[in-house]
C-alpha atoms as a PDB file:
ATOM      1  CA  UNK A   1       0.000   0.000   0.000  1.00  0.00           C
ATOM      2  CA  UNK A   2       1.000   3.637  -0.338  1.00  0.00           C
ATOM      3  CA  UNK A   3       0.821   5.376   3.056  1.00  0.00           C
ATOM      4  CA  UNK A   4      -0.411   8.914   2.654  1.00  0.00           C
ATOM      5  CA  UNK A   5      -0.992  10.048   6.265  1.00  0.00           C
ATOM      6  CA  UNK A   6       0.742   9.441   9.593  1.00  0.00           C
ATOM      7  CA  UNK A   7      -0.952   8.476  12.822  1.00  0.00           C
ATOM      8  CA  UNK A   8      -0.653  12.154  13.808  1.00  0.00           C
ATOM      9  CA  UNK A   9      -2.602  13.216  10.666  1.00  0.00           C
ATOM     10  CA  UNK A  10       0.443  14.719   8.950  1.00  0.00           C
ATOM     11  CA  UNK A  11       0.630  14.051   5.235  1.00  0.00           C
ATOM     12  CA  UNK A  12       3.387  11.631   4.268  1.00  0.00           C
ATOM     13  CA  UNK A  13       3.148  11.918   0.505  1.00  0.00           C
ATOM     14  CA  UNK A  14       0.829  13.291  -2.133  1.00  0.00           C
ATOM     15  CA  UNK A  15      -0.655  10.320  -3.954  1.00  0.00           C
ATOM     16  CA  UNK A  16      -2.231  12.610  -6.533  1.00  0.00           C
ATOM     17  CA  UNK A  17       1.210  13.679  -7.807  1.00  0.00           C
ATOM     18  CA  UNK A  18       1.497  11.302 -10.751  1.00  0.00           C
ATOM     19  CA  UNK A  19       4.976  12.594 -11.617  1.00  0.00           C
ATOM     20  CA  UNK A  20       6.410  10.924  -8.533  1.00  0.00           C
ATOM     21  CA  UNK A  21       6.482   7.208  -7.780  1.00  0.00           C
ATOM     22  CA  UNK A  22       4.917   6.861  -4.325  1.00  0.00           C
ATOM     23  CA  UNK A  23       6.610   5.090  -1.452  1.00  0.00           C
ATOM     24  CA  UNK A  24       5.292   1.602  -0.767  1.00  0.00           C
ATOM     25  CA  UNK A  25       4.644  -0.167   2.516  1.00  0.00           C
ATOM     26  CA  UNK A  26       4.065  -3.869   2.981  1.00  0.00           C
ATOM     27  CA  UNK A  27       1.565  -4.467   5.791  1.00  0.00           C
ATOM     28  CA  UNK A  28       1.138  -8.089   6.837  1.00  0.00           C
ATOM     29  CA  UNK A  29      -0.932  -9.488   9.672  1.00  0.00           C
ATOM     30  CA  UNK A  30      -1.233 -13.126  10.609  1.00  0.00           C
ATOM     31  CA  UNK A  31      -2.160 -15.461  13.441  1.00  0.00           C
ATOM     32  CA  UNK A  32       0.109 -18.423  14.229  1.00  0.00           C
ATOM     33  CA  UNK A  33      -2.421 -20.299  16.360  1.00  0.00           C
ATOM     34  CA  UNK A  34      -1.241 -18.658  19.577  1.00  0.00           C
ATOM     35  CA  UNK A  35      -0.472 -15.012  18.839  1.00  0.00           C
ATOM     36  CA  UNK A  36      -1.225 -12.399  16.241  1.00  0.00           C
ATOM     37  CA  UNK A  37       1.542 -10.541  14.462  1.00  0.00           C
ATOM     38  CA  UNK A  38       1.652  -7.391  12.391  1.00  0.00           C
ATOM     39  CA  UNK A  39       4.717  -6.721  10.258  1.00  0.00           C
ATOM     40  CA  UNK A  40       5.369  -3.469   8.437  1.00  0.00           C
ATOM     41  CA  UNK A  41       8.229  -3.537   5.957  1.00  0.00           C
ATOM     42  CA  UNK A  42       9.520  -1.440   3.094  1.00  0.00           C
ATOM     43  CA  UNK A  43      12.371  -1.029   0.666  1.00  0.00           C
ATOM     44  CA  UNK A  44      15.183   1.414   1.408  1.00  0.00           C
ATOM     45  CA  UNK A  45      14.046   4.001  -1.157  1.00  0.00           C
ATOM     46  CA  UNK A  46      10.667   4.204   0.678  1.00  0.00           C
ATOM     47  CA  UNK A  47      12.287   4.705   4.066  1.00  0.00           C
ATOM     48  CA  UNK A  48      11.323   8.317   4.707  1.00  0.00           C
ATOM     49  CA  UNK A  49       7.538   7.965   4.445  1.00  0.00           C
ATOM     50  CA  UNK A  50       7.374   4.545   6.051  1.00  0.00           C
ATOM     51  CA  UNK A  51       9.657   5.380   8.957  1.00  0.00           C
ATOM     52  CA  UNK A  52       7.638   8.522   9.682  1.00  0.00           C
ATOM     53  CA  UNK A  53       4.456   6.442   9.668  1.00  0.00           C
ATOM     54  CA  UNK A  54       5.963   3.960  12.114  1.00  0.00           C
ATOM     55  CA  UNK A  55       7.367   6.676  14.384  1.00  0.00           C
ATOM     56  CA  UNK A  56       3.951   8.344  14.546  1.00  0.00           C
ATOM     57  CA  UNK A  57       2.388   5.003  15.536  1.00  0.00           C
ATOM     58  CA  UNK A  58       5.005   4.387  18.210  1.00  0.00           C
ATOM     59  CA  UNK A  59       4.342   7.851  19.672  1.00  0.00           C
ATOM     60  CA  UNK A  60       0.862   6.654  20.680  1.00  0.00           C
ATOM     61  CA  UNK A  61       0.339   5.154  24.148  1.00  0.00           C
ATOM     62  CA  UNK A  62       1.311   1.478  24.098  1.00  0.00           C
ATOM     63  CA  UNK A  63      -2.127   0.428  25.331  1.00  0.00           C
ATOM     64  CA  UNK A  64      -3.715   2.086  22.258  1.00  0.00           C
ATOM     65  CA  UNK A  65      -1.389   0.789  19.525  1.00  0.00           C
ATOM     66  CA  UNK A  66      -3.564  -2.259  18.780  1.00  0.00           C
ATOM     67  CA  UNK A  67      -6.586   0.006  18.328  1.00  0.00           C
ATOM     68  CA  UNK A  68      -4.695   2.315  15.974  1.00  0.00           C
ATOM     69  CA  UNK A  69      -3.503  -0.656  13.924  1.00  0.00           C
ATOM     70  CA  UNK A  70      -7.043  -2.034  13.663  1.00  0.00           C
ATOM     71  CA  UNK A  71      -8.289   1.373  12.549  1.00  0.00           C
ATOM     72  CA  UNK A  72      -5.449   1.498  10.016  1.00  0.00           C
ATOM     73  CA  UNK A  73      -6.524  -1.834   8.572  1.00  0.00           C
ATOM     74  CA  UNK A  74     -10.157  -0.771   8.252  1.00  0.00           C
ATOM     75  CA  UNK A  75      -9.162   2.607   6.811  1.00  0.00           C
ATOM     76  CA  UNK A  76      -6.718   1.371   4.207  1.00  0.00           C
ATOM     77  CA  UNK A  77      -7.485  -2.164   3.125  1.00  0.00           C
ATOM     78  CA  UNK A  78     -10.389  -3.771   1.351  1.00  0.00           C
ATOM     79  CA  UNK A  79      -9.567  -7.381   2.229  1.00  0.00           C
ATOM     80  CA  UNK A  80      -9.518  -8.205   5.906  1.00  0.00           C
ATOM     81  CA  UNK A  81     -10.935 -10.964   8.048  1.00  0.00           C
ATOM     82  CA  UNK A  82     -12.581 -10.651  11.448  1.00  0.00           C
ATOM     83  CA  UNK A  83     -13.282 -13.096  14.191  1.00  0.00           C
ATOM     84  CA  UNK A  84     -17.090 -13.455  14.280  1.00  0.00           C
ATOM     85  CA  UNK A  85     -16.838 -13.761  18.064  1.00  0.00           C
ATOM     86  CA  UNK A  86     -14.982 -10.456  18.329  1.00  0.00           C
ATOM     87  CA  UNK A  87     -17.443  -8.724  15.985  1.00  0.00           C
ATOM     88  CA  UNK A  88     -20.432 -10.006  17.969  1.00  0.00           C
ATOM     89  CA  UNK A  89     -18.901  -8.753  21.226  1.00  0.00           C
ATOM     90  CA  UNK A  90     -18.098  -5.166  20.218  1.00  0.00           C
ATOM     91  CA  UNK A  91     -20.579  -2.338  20.714  1.00  0.00           C
ATOM     92  CA  UNK A  92     -22.986  -1.164  18.048  1.00  0.00           C
ATOM     93  CA  UNK A  93     -21.212   2.197  18.141  1.00  0.00           C
ATOM     94  CA  UNK A  94     -17.872   0.554  17.277  1.00  0.00           C
ATOM     95  CA  UNK A  95     -19.503  -1.497  14.515  1.00  0.00           C
ATOM     96  CA  UNK A  96     -20.915   1.698  13.006  1.00  0.00           C
ATOM     97  CA  UNK A  97     -17.536   3.459  13.247  1.00  0.00           C
ATOM     98  CA  UNK A  98     -15.762   0.499  11.619  1.00  0.00           C
ATOM     99  CA  UNK A  99     -18.233   0.425   8.741  1.00  0.00           C
ATOM    100  CA  UNK A 100     -17.886   4.193   8.350  1.00  0.00           C
ATOM    101  CA  UNK A 101     -14.084   4.182   8.176  1.00  0.00           C
ATOM    102  CA  UNK A 102     -14.151   1.177   5.855  1.00  0.00           C
ATOM    103  CA  UNK A 103     -16.373   3.090   3.451  1.00  0.00           C
ATOM    104  CA  UNK A 104     -13.944   6.026   3.381  1.00  0.00           C
ATOM    105  CA  UNK A 105     -11.453   3.650   1.781  1.00  0.00           C
ATOM    106  CA  UNK A 106     -13.610   3.228  -1.313  1.00  0.00           C
ATOM    107  CA  UNK A 107     -15.602   6.465  -1.379  1.00  0.00           C
ATOM    108  CA  UNK A 108     -14.519   8.696  -4.273  1.00  0.00           C
ATOM    109  CA  UNK A 109     -16.398  11.631  -2.741  1.00  0.00           C
ATOM    110  CA  UNK A 110     -14.293  11.754   0.437  1.00  0.00           C
ATOM    111  CA  UNK A 111     -11.046  13.690   0.180  1.00  0.00           C
ATOM    112  CA  UNK A 112      -8.098  11.711   1.572  1.00  0.00           C
ATOM    113  CA  UNK A 113      -7.399  12.401   5.232  1.00  0.00           C
ATOM    114  CA  UNK A 114      -5.777  10.770   8.219  1.00  0.00           C
ATOM    115  CA  UNK A 115      -8.637  11.354  10.665  1.00  0.00           C
ATOM    116  CA  UNK A 116      -9.489   7.659  10.933  1.00  0.00           C
ATOM    117  CA  UNK A 117      -5.988   6.738  11.993  1.00  0.00           C
ATOM    118  CA  UNK A 118      -4.937   9.809  13.988  1.00  0.00           C
ATOM    119  CA  UNK A 119      -7.747   9.700  16.539  1.00  0.00           C
ATOM    120  CA  UNK A 120      -8.831   6.759  18.643  1.00  0.00           C
ATOM    121  CA  UNK A 121     -12.370   6.304  17.353  1.00  0.00           C
ATOM    122  CA  UNK A 122     -13.227   2.768  18.389  1.00  0.00           C
ATOM    123  CA  UNK A 123     -13.252   1.528  21.969  1.00  0.00           C
ATOM    124  CA  UNK A 124     -13.398  -2.232  21.414  1.00  0.00           C
ATOM    125  CA  UNK A 125     -11.219  -4.237  23.774  1.00  0.00           C
ATOM    126  CA  UNK A 126      -8.054  -5.353  21.993  1.00  0.00           C
ATOM    127  CA  UNK A 127      -5.038  -7.138  23.420  1.00  0.00           C
ATOM    128  CA  UNK A 128      -2.024  -5.094  24.427  1.00  0.00           C
ATOM    129  CA  UNK A 129       1.043  -5.580  22.257  1.00  0.00           C
ATOM    130  CA  UNK A 130       3.310  -8.108  23.926  1.00  0.00           C
ATOM    131  CA  UNK A 131       6.346  -6.628  22.232  1.00  0.00           C
ATOM    132  CA  UNK A 132       7.135  -4.048  19.596  1.00  0.00           C
ATOM    133  CA  UNK A 133      10.354  -4.341  17.652  1.00  0.00           C
ATOM    134  CA  UNK A 134      11.789  -1.912  15.144  1.00  0.00           C
ATOM    135  CA  UNK A 135      14.546  -3.469  13.104  1.00  0.00           C
ATOM    136  CA  UNK A 136      16.386  -1.144  10.770  1.00  0.00           C
END
């Protein structure tokens, strides 16, 4: 994906500038049967935008990082999978917010913004990150 906004709502890159090749970020999440993992990686020539994105995420309180990552997924990706148990347990308000931010991803009438990732807008209980590693 091409990150365009940080978790502090600062613009990383202008994706409407077709004269410039945008920086790319690989965002992978998976469950190994015991734990969930999220891996962000990028090539060296994309370092500036991607590192700024990661730094803005790591500036958030540790107890909120999982929430910001979930919001990032809903805001930026079309293909994601949810645990039906988790979905059934979250509040109607959070379900509405998730649907709303998911629609921003595909709505051509909404100007790009970082509001859905810069503010904590869902309150669903998510596990705290066990560890966060930044390998450069």
